[in-house]
N, C-alpha and C. Protein backbone atom coordinates (compact mmCIF):
# COMPACT_ATOMS: atom_id res chain seq x y z
N MET A 1 115.89 90.41 -32.31
CA MET A 1 114.73 90.00 -31.53
C MET A 1 115.17 89.50 -30.16
N ILE A 2 116.27 88.76 -30.09
CA ILE A 2 116.74 88.24 -28.80
C ILE A 2 117.15 89.39 -27.90
N VAL A 3 117.84 90.38 -28.47
CA VAL A 3 118.28 91.53 -27.68
C VAL A 3 117.07 92.24 -27.07
N TYR A 4 116.01 92.41 -27.88
CA TYR A 4 114.80 93.04 -27.36
C TYR A 4 114.24 92.24 -26.20
N SER A 5 114.20 90.91 -26.38
CA SER A 5 113.65 90.03 -25.36
C SER A 5 114.41 90.17 -24.05
N ILE A 6 115.73 90.19 -24.13
CA ILE A 6 116.55 90.28 -22.92
C ILE A 6 116.37 91.65 -22.27
N LYS A 7 116.40 92.72 -23.06
CA LYS A 7 116.21 94.06 -22.49
C LYS A 7 114.82 94.19 -21.88
N HIS A 8 113.82 93.65 -22.58
CA HIS A 8 112.44 93.73 -22.08
C HIS A 8 112.31 92.98 -20.76
N ARG A 9 112.97 91.82 -20.64
CA ARG A 9 112.91 91.04 -19.41
C ARG A 9 113.56 91.80 -18.26
N GLU A 10 114.66 92.50 -18.54
CA GLU A 10 115.34 93.24 -17.49
C GLU A 10 114.49 94.40 -16.97
N MET A 11 113.64 94.96 -17.85
CA MET A 11 112.80 96.08 -17.45
C MET A 11 111.63 95.63 -16.59
N ASN A 12 111.20 94.39 -16.76
CA ASN A 12 110.04 93.88 -16.04
C ASN A 12 110.44 92.64 -15.26
N ASN A 13 109.78 92.42 -14.18
CA ASN A 13 110.04 91.23 -13.38
C ASN A 13 109.03 90.15 -13.73
N TYR A 14 109.35 89.35 -14.73
CA TYR A 14 108.47 88.26 -15.11
C TYR A 14 108.67 87.11 -14.15
N PRO A 15 107.60 86.37 -13.86
CA PRO A 15 107.74 85.24 -12.94
C PRO A 15 108.61 84.13 -13.52
N SER A 16 109.22 83.40 -12.65
CA SER A 16 110.06 82.26 -13.02
C SER A 16 109.20 81.14 -13.57
N VAL A 17 109.79 80.32 -14.45
CA VAL A 17 109.07 79.15 -14.95
C VAL A 17 108.75 78.20 -13.80
N THR A 18 109.56 78.22 -12.76
CA THR A 18 109.32 77.31 -11.63
C THR A 18 108.04 77.65 -10.88
N LYS A 19 107.60 78.89 -11.00
CA LYS A 19 106.36 79.29 -10.32
C LYS A 19 105.12 78.73 -11.01
N HIS A 20 105.23 78.41 -12.30
CA HIS A 20 104.07 77.99 -13.08
C HIS A 20 104.20 76.58 -13.67
N MET A 21 105.29 75.91 -13.41
CA MET A 21 105.49 74.57 -13.99
C MET A 21 104.74 73.50 -13.21
N ALA A 22 104.48 72.40 -13.89
CA ALA A 22 103.91 71.22 -13.23
C ALA A 22 105.06 70.44 -12.61
N THR A 23 104.83 69.91 -11.42
CA THR A 23 105.89 69.16 -10.76
C THR A 23 105.51 67.71 -10.49
N ASN A 24 104.24 67.41 -10.46
CA ASN A 24 103.78 66.04 -10.24
C ASN A 24 103.60 65.39 -11.61
N LEU A 25 104.72 64.99 -12.22
CA LEU A 25 104.71 64.57 -13.61
C LEU A 25 104.49 63.07 -13.78
N VAL A 26 103.80 62.74 -14.85
CA VAL A 26 103.77 61.37 -15.34
C VAL A 26 105.04 61.22 -16.15
N THR A 27 105.80 60.17 -15.88
CA THR A 27 107.01 59.91 -16.66
C THR A 27 107.00 58.46 -17.13
N PHE A 28 107.77 58.21 -18.15
CA PHE A 28 107.92 56.86 -18.67
C PHE A 28 109.39 56.50 -18.71
N THR A 29 109.67 55.22 -18.85
CA THR A 29 111.03 54.75 -19.09
C THR A 29 111.09 54.32 -20.55
N PRO A 30 112.29 54.20 -21.10
CA PRO A 30 112.39 53.74 -22.48
C PRO A 30 111.77 52.35 -22.69
N ASP A 31 111.75 51.53 -21.65
CA ASP A 31 111.22 50.17 -21.78
C ASP A 31 109.74 50.04 -21.42
N THR A 32 109.08 51.17 -21.12
CA THR A 32 107.64 51.13 -20.88
C THR A 32 106.95 50.65 -22.16
N ASN A 33 105.98 49.78 -22.00
CA ASN A 33 105.20 49.31 -23.15
C ASN A 33 104.46 50.51 -23.74
N ILE A 34 104.55 50.68 -25.05
CA ILE A 34 103.95 51.85 -25.69
C ILE A 34 102.44 51.89 -25.51
N ARG A 35 101.80 50.75 -25.49
CA ARG A 35 100.34 50.74 -25.27
C ARG A 35 100.00 51.19 -23.86
N ASP A 36 100.81 50.79 -22.89
CA ASP A 36 100.61 51.24 -21.51
C ASP A 36 100.81 52.76 -21.41
N ALA A 37 101.80 53.27 -22.14
CA ALA A 37 102.05 54.71 -22.13
C ALA A 37 100.86 55.47 -22.72
N VAL A 38 100.32 54.98 -23.83
CA VAL A 38 99.16 55.62 -24.44
C VAL A 38 97.97 55.56 -23.47
N ASP A 39 97.76 54.40 -22.85
CA ASP A 39 96.68 54.28 -21.87
C ASP A 39 96.82 55.31 -20.75
N MET A 40 98.03 55.48 -20.25
CA MET A 40 98.28 56.43 -19.16
C MET A 40 98.05 57.86 -19.63
N MET A 41 98.51 58.19 -20.83
CA MET A 41 98.30 59.55 -21.34
C MET A 41 96.82 59.86 -21.49
N LEU A 42 96.05 58.89 -21.95
CA LEU A 42 94.61 59.09 -22.09
C LEU A 42 93.94 59.19 -20.72
N LYS A 43 94.35 58.34 -19.80
CA LYS A 43 93.76 58.34 -18.46
C LYS A 43 94.04 59.66 -17.74
N LYS A 44 95.27 60.16 -17.85
CA LYS A 44 95.66 61.39 -17.16
C LYS A 44 95.35 62.65 -17.97
N LYS A 45 94.87 62.46 -19.20
CA LYS A 45 94.51 63.58 -20.08
C LYS A 45 95.71 64.51 -20.31
N ILE A 46 96.83 63.90 -20.67
CA ILE A 46 98.04 64.67 -20.97
C ILE A 46 98.42 64.42 -22.42
N SER A 47 99.14 65.35 -23.00
CA SER A 47 99.52 65.23 -24.40
C SER A 47 100.97 64.81 -24.58
N GLY A 48 101.67 64.59 -23.48
CA GLY A 48 103.06 64.16 -23.57
C GLY A 48 103.68 64.05 -22.21
N ALA A 49 104.84 63.37 -22.16
CA ALA A 49 105.51 63.17 -20.88
C ALA A 49 107.00 62.92 -21.10
N PRO A 50 107.81 63.27 -20.10
CA PRO A 50 109.24 62.99 -20.17
C PRO A 50 109.53 61.49 -20.06
N VAL A 51 110.63 61.09 -20.67
CA VAL A 51 111.10 59.71 -20.58
C VAL A 51 112.43 59.74 -19.83
N LEU A 52 112.49 58.99 -18.72
CA LEU A 52 113.68 58.96 -17.87
C LEU A 52 114.32 57.58 -17.89
N ASP A 53 115.65 57.55 -17.88
CA ASP A 53 116.34 56.26 -17.82
C ASP A 53 116.42 55.77 -16.38
N LYS A 54 117.12 54.66 -16.17
CA LYS A 54 117.19 54.06 -14.83
C LYS A 54 117.89 54.96 -13.81
N ASP A 55 118.70 55.92 -14.29
CA ASP A 55 119.38 56.86 -13.40
C ASP A 55 118.60 58.17 -13.24
N ASN A 56 117.34 58.17 -13.67
CA ASN A 56 116.47 59.35 -13.62
C ASN A 56 116.97 60.50 -14.48
N GLU A 57 117.71 60.19 -15.53
CA GLU A 57 118.17 61.22 -16.46
C GLU A 57 117.19 61.31 -17.62
N LEU A 58 116.93 62.52 -18.04
CA LEU A 58 116.01 62.77 -19.14
C LEU A 58 116.63 62.30 -20.45
N VAL A 59 115.97 61.33 -21.11
CA VAL A 59 116.51 60.77 -22.35
C VAL A 59 115.57 60.98 -23.54
N GLY A 60 114.37 61.48 -23.28
CA GLY A 60 113.43 61.69 -24.38
C GLY A 60 112.13 62.28 -23.90
N MET A 61 111.27 62.54 -24.87
CA MET A 61 109.91 63.00 -24.60
C MET A 61 108.98 62.17 -25.47
N LEU A 62 107.86 61.79 -24.90
CA LEU A 62 106.85 61.05 -25.65
C LEU A 62 105.63 61.95 -25.79
N SER A 63 105.22 62.20 -27.03
CA SER A 63 104.07 63.08 -27.28
C SER A 63 102.99 62.31 -28.03
N GLU A 64 101.85 62.95 -28.15
CA GLU A 64 100.75 62.36 -28.92
C GLU A 64 101.19 62.06 -30.35
N VAL A 65 101.92 62.98 -30.94
CA VAL A 65 102.39 62.78 -32.31
C VAL A 65 103.30 61.56 -32.40
N ASP A 66 104.18 61.41 -31.42
CA ASP A 66 105.05 60.23 -31.39
C ASP A 66 104.20 58.96 -31.34
N CYS A 67 103.16 58.99 -30.55
CA CYS A 67 102.30 57.81 -30.39
C CYS A 67 101.50 57.50 -31.65
N LEU A 68 101.22 58.49 -32.47
CA LEU A 68 100.51 58.24 -33.72
C LEU A 68 101.32 57.35 -34.66
N ARG A 69 102.64 57.36 -34.46
CA ARG A 69 103.51 56.52 -35.29
C ARG A 69 103.26 55.04 -35.05
N ILE A 70 102.61 54.70 -33.94
CA ILE A 70 102.27 53.31 -33.66
C ILE A 70 101.44 52.75 -34.82
N LEU A 71 100.48 53.52 -35.23
CA LEU A 71 99.60 53.09 -36.32
C LEU A 71 100.38 52.96 -37.63
N LEU A 72 101.21 53.94 -37.90
CA LEU A 72 101.99 53.92 -39.14
C LEU A 72 103.02 52.79 -39.15
N ASN A 73 103.55 52.46 -37.99
CA ASN A 73 104.56 51.40 -37.92
C ASN A 73 103.96 50.01 -37.85
N GLY A 74 102.65 49.91 -37.81
CA GLY A 74 102.01 48.61 -37.90
C GLY A 74 101.82 47.87 -36.60
N LEU A 75 102.11 48.49 -35.43
CA LEU A 75 102.00 47.77 -34.17
C LEU A 75 100.57 47.25 -33.95
N TYR A 76 99.58 48.03 -34.37
CA TYR A 76 98.22 47.58 -34.16
C TYR A 76 97.82 46.48 -35.14
N ASN A 77 98.67 46.23 -36.11
CA ASN A 77 98.46 45.10 -37.02
C ASN A 77 99.40 43.95 -36.65
N GLU A 78 100.01 44.06 -35.46
CA GLU A 78 100.95 43.08 -34.91
C GLU A 78 102.24 42.97 -35.71
N GLU A 79 102.58 43.98 -36.50
CA GLU A 79 103.85 43.99 -37.21
C GLU A 79 104.49 45.34 -37.04
N PRO A 80 105.71 45.52 -36.76
CA PRO A 80 106.59 44.51 -36.17
C PRO A 80 106.36 44.43 -34.67
N ALA A 81 106.20 43.27 -34.15
CA ALA A 81 105.84 43.06 -32.75
C ALA A 81 106.94 43.51 -31.80
N GLN A 82 108.19 43.52 -32.23
CA GLN A 82 109.29 43.89 -31.34
C GLN A 82 109.32 45.39 -31.04
N MET A 83 108.60 46.21 -31.80
CA MET A 83 108.61 47.66 -31.58
C MET A 83 107.47 48.06 -30.66
N ASP A 84 107.48 47.52 -29.44
CA ASP A 84 106.39 47.78 -28.50
C ASP A 84 106.82 48.60 -27.30
N LYS A 85 107.98 49.24 -27.38
CA LYS A 85 108.51 50.03 -26.26
C LYS A 85 108.52 51.52 -26.59
N VAL A 86 108.44 52.33 -25.55
CA VAL A 86 108.49 53.78 -25.70
C VAL A 86 109.75 54.22 -26.44
N LYS A 87 110.87 53.55 -26.22
CA LYS A 87 112.14 53.96 -26.83
C LYS A 87 112.09 54.00 -28.35
N TYR A 88 111.18 53.26 -28.96
CA TYR A 88 111.08 53.25 -30.42
C TYR A 88 110.25 54.42 -30.95
N TYR A 89 109.55 55.12 -30.08
CA TYR A 89 108.64 56.18 -30.51
C TYR A 89 108.98 57.55 -29.95
N MET A 90 109.68 57.61 -28.83
CA MET A 90 109.95 58.88 -28.17
C MET A 90 110.86 59.76 -29.03
N SER A 91 110.75 61.06 -28.83
CA SER A 91 111.64 62.02 -29.46
C SER A 91 112.88 62.13 -28.59
N GLN A 92 114.03 61.98 -29.20
CA GLN A 92 115.27 62.08 -28.44
C GLN A 92 115.90 63.46 -28.52
N ALA A 93 115.43 64.27 -29.47
CA ALA A 93 115.88 65.66 -29.57
C ALA A 93 115.06 66.45 -28.56
N ILE A 94 115.65 66.70 -27.41
CA ILE A 94 114.93 67.31 -26.30
C ILE A 94 115.35 68.76 -26.14
N LYS A 95 114.37 69.63 -26.07
CA LYS A 95 114.60 71.04 -25.78
C LYS A 95 114.16 71.25 -24.34
N THR A 96 115.06 71.72 -23.49
CA THR A 96 114.73 71.97 -22.08
C THR A 96 114.83 73.47 -21.81
N ILE A 97 114.36 73.84 -20.63
CA ILE A 97 114.51 75.21 -20.16
C ILE A 97 115.02 75.14 -18.72
N LYS A 98 115.95 76.01 -18.40
CA LYS A 98 116.56 76.02 -17.05
C LYS A 98 115.63 76.69 -16.04
N GLU A 99 115.77 76.28 -14.80
CA GLU A 99 114.93 76.78 -13.71
C GLU A 99 115.07 78.28 -13.48
N ASP A 100 116.17 78.90 -13.91
CA ASP A 100 116.37 80.33 -13.68
C ASP A 100 115.76 81.20 -14.78
N LYS A 101 115.04 80.60 -15.71
CA LYS A 101 114.42 81.35 -16.80
C LYS A 101 113.01 81.80 -16.40
N THR A 102 112.52 82.78 -17.14
CA THR A 102 111.20 83.35 -16.84
C THR A 102 110.16 82.83 -17.84
N ILE A 103 108.91 83.18 -17.57
CA ILE A 103 107.85 82.79 -18.50
C ILE A 103 108.03 83.49 -19.84
N LEU A 104 108.67 84.65 -19.85
CA LEU A 104 108.96 85.34 -21.11
C LEU A 104 109.93 84.50 -21.94
N ASP A 105 110.95 83.94 -21.29
CA ASP A 105 111.89 83.06 -21.99
C ASP A 105 111.18 81.83 -22.53
N ALA A 106 110.30 81.27 -21.74
CA ALA A 106 109.55 80.08 -22.17
C ALA A 106 108.65 80.41 -23.35
N ALA A 107 107.96 81.55 -23.29
CA ALA A 107 107.10 81.96 -24.40
C ALA A 107 107.91 82.12 -25.67
N TYR A 108 109.08 82.70 -25.55
CA TYR A 108 109.98 82.87 -26.71
C TYR A 108 110.32 81.50 -27.30
N GLU A 109 110.66 80.55 -26.44
CA GLU A 109 110.99 79.20 -26.91
C GLU A 109 109.80 78.53 -27.58
N PHE A 110 108.62 78.65 -27.00
CA PHE A 110 107.43 78.05 -27.59
C PHE A 110 107.14 78.63 -28.97
N ILE A 111 107.26 79.93 -29.09
CA ILE A 111 106.97 80.59 -30.37
C ILE A 111 107.97 80.16 -31.44
N HIS A 112 109.22 80.04 -31.07
CA HIS A 112 110.25 79.76 -32.07
C HIS A 112 110.59 78.28 -32.26
N SER A 113 110.11 77.42 -31.41
CA SER A 113 110.47 76.01 -31.54
C SER A 113 109.32 75.13 -32.01
N GLY A 114 108.10 75.54 -31.72
CA GLY A 114 106.96 74.71 -32.08
C GLY A 114 106.61 73.65 -31.04
N TYR A 115 107.41 73.54 -29.99
CA TYR A 115 107.12 72.57 -28.93
C TYR A 115 105.90 73.02 -28.13
N LYS A 116 105.21 72.07 -27.53
CA LYS A 116 104.05 72.37 -26.69
C LYS A 116 104.38 72.32 -25.21
N ARG A 117 105.47 71.67 -24.87
CA ARG A 117 105.89 71.56 -23.49
C ARG A 117 107.41 71.53 -23.43
N LEU A 118 107.96 72.03 -22.34
CA LEU A 118 109.40 72.01 -22.14
C LEU A 118 109.71 71.44 -20.77
N PRO A 119 110.58 70.43 -20.71
CA PRO A 119 111.03 69.97 -19.40
C PRO A 119 111.84 71.09 -18.73
N VAL A 120 111.59 71.30 -17.45
CA VAL A 120 112.34 72.30 -16.69
C VAL A 120 113.42 71.54 -15.92
N VAL A 121 114.66 71.99 -16.08
CA VAL A 121 115.78 71.33 -15.43
C VAL A 121 116.48 72.31 -14.50
N ASP A 122 117.07 71.76 -13.43
CA ASP A 122 117.85 72.61 -12.54
C ASP A 122 119.18 72.93 -13.20
N LEU A 123 120.02 73.69 -12.54
CA LEU A 123 121.27 74.14 -13.15
C LEU A 123 122.24 72.99 -13.41
N GLU A 124 122.01 71.84 -12.77
CA GLU A 124 122.84 70.65 -13.03
C GLU A 124 122.25 69.78 -14.13
N GLY A 125 121.07 70.14 -14.64
CA GLY A 125 120.46 69.38 -15.72
C GLY A 125 119.47 68.32 -15.28
N ASN A 126 119.12 68.29 -13.99
CA ASN A 126 118.15 67.31 -13.48
C ASN A 126 116.72 67.80 -13.70
N LEU A 127 115.85 66.90 -14.11
CA LEU A 127 114.44 67.25 -14.34
C LEU A 127 113.77 67.63 -13.02
N ILE A 128 113.14 68.81 -13.00
CA ILE A 128 112.42 69.23 -11.79
C ILE A 128 110.96 69.55 -12.08
N GLY A 129 110.59 69.59 -13.35
CA GLY A 129 109.20 69.90 -13.70
C GLY A 129 109.04 70.02 -15.20
N GLN A 130 107.89 70.52 -15.58
CA GLN A 130 107.58 70.70 -16.99
C GLN A 130 106.66 71.90 -17.12
N ILE A 131 106.91 72.72 -18.13
CA ILE A 131 106.04 73.86 -18.38
C ILE A 131 105.47 73.73 -19.79
N SER A 132 104.20 74.08 -19.90
CA SER A 132 103.52 73.95 -21.19
C SER A 132 103.05 75.32 -21.66
N ARG A 133 102.58 75.36 -22.89
CA ARG A 133 102.01 76.59 -23.42
C ARG A 133 100.82 77.04 -22.57
N VAL A 134 100.02 76.09 -22.14
CA VAL A 134 98.85 76.41 -21.31
C VAL A 134 99.29 77.03 -19.99
N ASP A 135 100.38 76.52 -19.41
CA ASP A 135 100.91 77.10 -18.16
C ASP A 135 101.28 78.57 -18.37
N ILE A 136 101.87 78.88 -19.52
CA ILE A 136 102.24 80.27 -19.81
C ILE A 136 100.99 81.13 -19.97
N LEU A 137 99.97 80.60 -20.63
CA LEU A 137 98.72 81.35 -20.77
C LEU A 137 98.09 81.63 -19.41
N ARG A 138 98.14 80.65 -18.52
CA ARG A 138 97.61 80.87 -17.16
C ARG A 138 98.40 81.95 -16.44
N ALA A 139 99.71 81.95 -16.63
CA ALA A 139 100.56 82.96 -16.00
C ALA A 139 100.23 84.36 -16.54
N ILE A 140 100.03 84.44 -17.84
CA ILE A 140 99.68 85.73 -18.46
C ILE A 140 98.35 86.23 -17.91
N GLN A 141 97.41 85.31 -17.76
CA GLN A 141 96.09 85.68 -17.25
C GLN A 141 96.18 86.29 -15.85
N LYS A 142 97.13 85.85 -15.05
CA LYS A 142 97.29 86.35 -13.69
C LYS A 142 98.05 87.68 -13.63
N MET A 143 98.76 88.00 -14.71
CA MET A 143 99.57 89.21 -14.72
C MET A 143 98.70 90.43 -14.99
N LYS A 144 99.07 91.52 -14.41
CA LYS A 144 98.40 92.80 -14.64
C LYS A 144 99.39 93.69 -15.39
N PRO A 145 98.91 94.44 -16.37
CA PRO A 145 99.81 95.37 -17.07
C PRO A 145 100.39 96.38 -16.08
N GLN A 146 101.68 96.68 -16.22
CA GLN A 146 102.31 97.63 -15.32
C GLN A 146 102.04 99.06 -15.74
N ILE A 147 101.81 99.26 -17.03
CA ILE A 147 101.56 100.60 -17.54
C ILE A 147 100.23 100.57 -18.28
N LYS A 148 99.36 101.49 -17.93
CA LYS A 148 98.12 101.61 -18.68
C LYS A 148 98.32 102.73 -19.68
N HIS A 149 98.33 102.34 -20.94
CA HIS A 149 98.57 103.33 -21.99
C HIS A 149 97.24 103.85 -22.51
N VAL A 150 97.08 105.14 -22.46
CA VAL A 150 95.91 105.78 -23.03
C VAL A 150 96.44 106.73 -24.11
N PRO A 151 96.05 106.50 -25.36
CA PRO A 151 96.52 107.40 -26.43
C PRO A 151 96.17 108.85 -26.13
N ASP A 152 97.03 109.75 -26.56
CA ASP A 152 96.80 111.19 -26.33
C ASP A 152 95.45 111.62 -26.86
N SER A 153 95.02 111.06 -27.98
CA SER A 153 93.75 111.47 -28.57
C SER A 153 92.55 111.05 -27.72
N TRP A 154 92.76 110.14 -26.74
CA TRP A 154 91.67 109.68 -25.88
C TRP A 154 91.62 110.44 -24.55
N LYS A 155 92.63 111.23 -24.24
CA LYS A 155 92.72 111.91 -22.96
C LYS A 155 91.42 112.66 -22.67
N GLY A 156 90.83 112.38 -21.53
CA GLY A 156 89.60 113.03 -21.12
C GLY A 156 88.35 112.41 -21.70
N ARG A 157 88.49 111.48 -22.59
CA ARG A 157 87.32 110.82 -23.18
C ARG A 157 87.61 109.33 -23.42
N GLU A 158 88.20 108.69 -22.41
CA GLU A 158 88.51 107.27 -22.51
C GLU A 158 87.23 106.46 -22.70
N PRO A 159 87.27 105.45 -23.58
CA PRO A 159 86.08 104.64 -23.80
C PRO A 159 85.69 103.86 -22.54
N ILE A 160 84.41 103.68 -22.36
CA ILE A 160 83.90 102.91 -21.23
C ILE A 160 83.40 101.58 -21.76
N LEU A 161 83.77 100.53 -21.07
CA LEU A 161 83.36 99.19 -21.48
C LEU A 161 81.86 99.01 -21.27
N PRO A 162 81.15 98.52 -22.30
CA PRO A 162 79.71 98.29 -22.13
C PRO A 162 79.45 97.27 -21.03
N GLU A 163 78.31 97.38 -20.37
CA GLU A 163 77.96 96.49 -19.24
C GLU A 163 78.09 95.02 -19.60
N HIS A 164 77.63 94.63 -20.78
CA HIS A 164 77.64 93.21 -21.15
C HIS A 164 79.05 92.66 -21.39
N LYS A 165 80.05 93.53 -21.48
CA LYS A 165 81.44 93.10 -21.68
C LYS A 165 82.25 93.12 -20.39
N LYS A 166 81.67 93.63 -19.31
CA LYS A 166 82.41 93.76 -18.06
C LYS A 166 82.54 92.41 -17.37
N SER A 167 83.67 92.23 -16.73
CA SER A 167 83.90 91.02 -15.94
C SER A 167 84.77 91.38 -14.76
N ARG A 168 85.00 90.41 -13.92
CA ARG A 168 85.85 90.66 -12.75
C ARG A 168 87.31 90.84 -13.15
N TYR A 169 87.64 90.58 -14.43
CA TYR A 169 89.03 90.64 -14.87
C TYR A 169 89.42 91.99 -15.47
N ASN A 170 88.46 92.87 -15.71
CA ASN A 170 88.84 94.16 -16.24
C ASN A 170 88.49 95.24 -15.22
N GLU A 171 89.20 96.32 -15.32
CA GLU A 171 89.05 97.32 -14.27
C GLU A 171 87.79 98.17 -14.37
N ASN A 172 87.04 98.10 -15.45
CA ASN A 172 85.80 98.84 -15.57
C ASN A 172 84.63 98.09 -14.95
N ALA A 173 84.89 96.93 -14.38
CA ALA A 173 83.81 96.11 -13.84
C ALA A 173 83.31 96.63 -12.53
């Protein structure tokens, strides 16, 4: 499967992840209060964010699922009170994608990893953005097929899209 992916990428010029990634990111530190982090995620309508240390190095990711552990760990029942920082809830197993990768590479990672977002890092490993599944879907929506395949059995009698199905996004419109 990987060999197919690499060969397929070489045949087509897929856009870089840097073209579709978010760059104005909400980030947290390990010492951010977890309630403040949840408030910010709700306010900004995001489902997760990178966690950076004092040297701006990526040390974790905080997601909605991570935040649900607040309830299970008893913070809302005031026990244990000392577990009120992002560092106690963030995921430290971080999957990143390099800036030189394409949206095809990102789609492959999303399909095989289960992650919803990937931090994008430069070749030195510094965080430069984040790409999500939704970003890939938006990129796909902008892409046009390079080859229009019409089965041999349809030659000369290609189906016409009914008026009620036409839109500005299909060529029969």
